[in-house]
Amino acid sequence: MEKNTDVIQATVLKQKTVWQRLKDERWLQVMAWAGLIWMLVFNYAPMYGLLIAFKKNYRITTPLFSWEFLKSAWADNFGLQHFINFFNPAKSSNVKILCGNYNRAAPPRMGGRARLTP
């Protein structure tokens, strides 16, 4: 019976501290941090640029990472005024310019069957 308790006490004494485990697994953590930094830079940093669409008077000369930009007023209609103006039927030329004018007449089609020549 004493032999079994000695084994349990020996395993308890051999457990590593958190700092020892961190030191042993440092390369695994380097890989994890690299992935986390990649995700932050390429997935979350571009979302900050979306604020431009919802600001009232955005000026290209105002830096994005400034307090002046963050404190500026939001656009009307819950920030959607620019989108309402863009897709307004009275100003539909905006959408045609952006998407291309697909209402143009299609080019004439060539009649007859295509022949394959050897």
C-alpha atoms as a PDB file:
ATOM      1  CA  MET A   1       0.000   0.000   0.000  1.00  0.00           C
ATOM      2  CA  GLU A   2       2.842   2.373   0.768  1.00  0.00           C
ATOM      3  CA  LYS A   3       4.338   1.787  -2.658  1.00  0.00           C
ATOM      4  CA  ASN A   4       1.227   3.137  -4.401  1.00  0.00           C
ATOM      5  CA  THR A   5       1.205   6.369  -2.363  1.00  0.00           C
ATOM      6  CA  ASP A   6       4.899   6.919  -3.086  1.00  0.00           C
ATOM      7  CA  VAL A   7       4.207   6.776  -6.835  1.00  0.00           C
ATOM      8  CA  ILE A   8       1.404   9.338  -6.526  1.00  0.00           C
ATOM      9  CA  GLN A   9       3.588  11.681  -4.490  1.00  0.00           C
ATOM     10  CA  ALA A  10       6.446  11.306  -6.976  1.00  0.00           C
ATOM     11  CA  THR A  11       4.209  12.283  -9.909  1.00  0.00           C
ATOM     12  CA  VAL A  12       2.895  15.285  -8.032  1.00  0.00           C
ATOM     13  CA  LEU A  13       6.422  16.458  -7.314  1.00  0.00           C
ATOM     14  CA  LYS A  14       7.524  16.041 -10.948  1.00  0.00           C
ATOM     15  CA  GLN A  15       4.857  18.354 -12.410  1.00  0.00           C
ATOM     16  CA  LYS A  16       6.350  21.389 -14.112  1.00  0.00           C
ATOM     17  CA  THR A  17       5.462  24.945 -13.294  1.00  0.00           C
ATOM     18  CA  VAL A  18       3.760  27.182 -15.828  1.00  0.00           C
ATOM     19  CA  TRP A  19       6.983  29.021 -16.608  1.00  0.00           C
ATOM     20  CA  GLN A  20       8.842  25.782 -17.242  1.00  0.00           C
ATOM     21  CA  ARG A  21       6.109  24.611 -19.602  1.00  0.00           C
ATOM     22  CA  LEU A  22       6.163  27.972 -21.414  1.00  0.00           C
ATOM     23  CA  LYS A  23       9.914  27.660 -21.832  1.00  0.00           C
ATOM     24  CA  ASP A  24       9.637  24.100 -23.137  1.00  0.00           C
ATOM     25  CA  GLU A  25       6.890  25.009 -25.615  1.00  0.00           C
ATOM     26  CA  ARG A  26       8.380  28.291 -26.829  1.00  0.00           C
ATOM     27  CA  TRP A  27       8.515  27.305 -30.527  1.00  0.00           C
ATOM     28  CA  LEU A  28       4.887  26.244 -30.471  1.00  0.00           C
ATOM     29  CA  GLN A  29       3.999  29.620 -29.005  1.00  0.00           C
ATOM     30  CA  VAL A  30       6.086  31.452 -31.606  1.00  0.00           C
ATOM     31  CA  MET A  31       4.022  29.755 -34.312  1.00  0.00           C
ATOM     32  CA  ALA A  32       0.779  30.567 -32.499  1.00  0.00           C
ATOM     33  CA  TRP A  33       1.725  34.237 -32.063  1.00  0.00           C
ATOM     34  CA  ALA A  34       2.725  34.488 -35.729  1.00  0.00           C
ATOM     35  CA  GLY A  35      -0.705  33.223 -36.780  1.00  0.00           C
ATOM     36  CA  LEU A  36      -2.458  35.572 -34.372  1.00  0.00           C
ATOM     37  CA  ILE A  37      -0.523  38.594 -35.644  1.00  0.00           C
ATOM     38  CA  TRP A  38      -1.250  37.575 -39.260  1.00  0.00           C
ATOM     39  CA  MET A  39      -4.970  37.365 -38.485  1.00  0.00           C
ATOM     40  CA  LEU A  40      -5.028  40.752 -36.758  1.00  0.00           C
ATOM     41  CA  VAL A  41      -3.139  42.521 -39.529  1.00  0.00           C
ATOM     42  CA  PHE A  42      -4.952  41.080 -42.523  1.00  0.00           C
ATOM     43  CA  ASN A  43      -8.455  40.464 -41.118  1.00  0.00           C
ATOM     44  CA  TYR A  44      -9.135  43.174 -38.559  1.00  0.00           C
ATOM     45  CA  ALA A  45      -6.959  46.129 -39.588  1.00  0.00           C
ATOM     46  CA  PRO A  46      -8.769  46.602 -42.957  1.00  0.00           C
ATOM     47  CA  MET A  47     -12.090  46.876 -41.107  1.00  0.00           C
ATOM     48  CA  TYR A  48     -10.947  50.236 -39.784  1.00  0.00           C
ATOM     49  CA  GLY A  49     -11.078  51.567 -43.342  1.00  0.00           C
ATOM     50  CA  LEU A  50     -14.790  50.777 -43.546  1.00  0.00           C
ATOM     51  CA  LEU A  51     -15.431  53.668 -41.185  1.00  0.00           C
ATOM     52  CA  ILE A  52     -14.825  56.028 -44.112  1.00  0.00           C
ATOM     53  CA  ALA A  53     -18.112  54.982 -45.714  1.00  0.00           C
ATOM     54  CA  PHE A  54     -20.108  55.850 -42.603  1.00  0.00           C
ATOM     55  CA  LYS A  55     -18.529  59.211 -41.723  1.00  0.00           C
ATOM     56  CA  LYS A  56     -20.303  62.448 -42.647  1.00  0.00           C
ATOM     57  CA  ASN A  57     -17.547  64.649 -44.048  1.00  0.00           C
ATOM     58  CA  TYR A  58     -14.514  62.526 -44.756  1.00  0.00           C
ATOM     59  CA  ARG A  59     -11.516  64.378 -46.131  1.00  0.00           C
ATOM     60  CA  ILE A  60      -8.732  62.499 -47.841  1.00  0.00           C
ATOM     61  CA  THR A  61      -6.157  64.659 -46.047  1.00  0.00           C
ATOM     62  CA  THR A  62      -7.363  63.541 -42.611  1.00  0.00           C
ATOM     63  CA  PRO A  63      -5.313  60.585 -41.394  1.00  0.00           C
ATOM     64  CA  LEU A  64      -7.345  57.496 -40.527  1.00  0.00           C
ATOM     65  CA  PHE A  65      -5.570  56.922 -37.227  1.00  0.00           C
ATOM     66  CA  SER A  66      -6.197  60.389 -35.786  1.00  0.00           C
ATOM     67  CA  TRP A  67      -8.575  61.662 -33.121  1.00  0.00           C
ATOM     68  CA  GLU A  68     -10.023  64.156 -35.602  1.00  0.00           C
ATOM     69  CA  PHE A  69     -11.238  61.305 -37.793  1.00  0.00           C
ATOM     70  CA  LEU A  70     -12.621  59.293 -34.887  1.00  0.00           C
ATOM     71  CA  LYS A  71     -14.466  62.297 -33.399  1.00  0.00           C
ATOM     72  CA  SER A  72     -16.044  63.391 -36.695  1.00  0.00           C
ATOM     73  CA  ALA A  73     -19.807  63.039 -37.080  1.00  0.00           C
ATOM     74  CA  TRP A  74     -21.506  59.986 -38.530  1.00  0.00           C
ATOM     75  CA  ALA A  75     -23.457  60.247 -41.781  1.00  0.00           C
ATOM     76  CA  ASP A  76     -27.241  60.734 -41.649  1.00  0.00           C
ATOM     77  CA  ASN A  77     -29.762  57.863 -41.705  1.00  0.00           C
ATOM     78  CA  PHE A  78     -27.772  55.728 -39.279  1.00  0.00           C
ATOM     79  CA  GLY A  79     -24.607  56.159 -41.341  1.00  0.00           C
ATOM     80  CA  LEU A  80     -26.173  54.949 -44.587  1.00  0.00           C
ATOM     81  CA  GLN A  81     -26.680  58.329 -46.305  1.00  0.00           C
ATOM     82  CA  HIS A  82     -23.785  57.808 -48.721  1.00  0.00           C
ATOM     83  CA  PHE A  83     -25.209  54.442 -49.797  1.00  0.00           C
ATOM     84  CA  ILE A  84     -28.702  55.932 -50.240  1.00  0.00           C
ATOM     85  CA  ASN A  85     -27.279  58.687 -52.433  1.00  0.00           C
ATOM     86  CA  PHE A  86     -25.224  56.225 -54.451  1.00  0.00           C
ATOM     87  CA  PHE A  87     -28.122  53.877 -55.228  1.00  0.00           C
ATOM     88  CA  ASN A  88     -30.728  56.637 -55.704  1.00  0.00           C
ATOM     89  CA  PRO A  89     -32.697  55.999 -58.940  1.00  0.00           C
ATOM     90  CA  ALA A  90     -32.474  59.692 -59.869  1.00  0.00           C
ATOM     91  CA  LYS A  91     -28.694  59.374 -59.816  1.00  0.00           C
ATOM     92  CA  SER A  92     -28.474  55.897 -61.300  1.00  0.00           C
ATOM     93  CA  SER A  93     -25.489  56.886 -63.438  1.00  0.00           C
ATOM     94  CA  ASN A  94     -23.292  56.170 -60.400  1.00  0.00           C
ATOM     95  CA  VAL A  95     -24.154  52.499 -60.482  1.00  0.00           C
ATOM     96  CA  LYS A  96     -23.858  52.311 -64.266  1.00  0.00           C
ATOM     97  CA  ILE A  97     -20.393  53.828 -64.158  1.00  0.00           C
ATOM     98  CA  LEU A  98     -19.270  51.489 -61.393  1.00  0.00           C
ATOM     99  CA  CYS A  99     -20.777  48.277 -62.785  1.00  0.00           C
ATOM    100  CA  GLY A 100     -20.490  49.068 -66.465  1.00  0.00           C
ATOM    101  CA  ASN A 101     -23.320  49.941 -68.801  1.00  0.00           C
ATOM    102  CA  TYR A 102     -24.862  46.573 -69.634  1.00  0.00           C
ATOM    103  CA  ASN A 103     -27.846  48.119 -71.409  1.00  0.00           C
ATOM    104  CA  ARG A 104     -25.891  48.677 -74.593  1.00  0.00           C
ATOM    105  CA  ALA A 105     -26.962  46.779 -77.686  1.00  0.00           C
ATOM    106  CA  ALA A 106     -25.304  43.418 -78.023  1.00  0.00           C
ATOM    107  CA  PRO A 107     -22.926  42.992 -80.969  1.00  0.00           C
ATOM    108  CA  PRO A 108     -24.465  41.240 -83.971  1.00  0.00           C
ATOM    109  CA  ARG A 109     -24.119  37.482 -83.953  1.00  0.00           C
ATOM    110  CA  MET A 110     -22.654  35.632 -86.870  1.00  0.00           C
ATOM    111  CA  GLY A 111     -25.247  33.446 -88.569  1.00  0.00           C
ATOM    112  CA  GLY A 112     -24.835  29.843 -89.689  1.00  0.00           C
ATOM    113  CA  ARG A 113     -23.049  26.911 -88.153  1.00  0.00           C
ATOM    114  CA  ALA A 114     -19.395  26.909 -87.391  1.00  0.00           C
ATOM    115  CA  ARG A 115     -17.397  24.502 -89.520  1.00  0.00           C
ATOM    116  CA  LEU A 116     -14.364  22.690 -88.314  1.00  0.00           C
ATOM    117  CA  THR A 117     -11.702  22.369 -90.984  1.00  0.00           C
ATOM    118  CA  PRO A 118      -9.032  19.702 -90.668  1.00  0.00           C
END
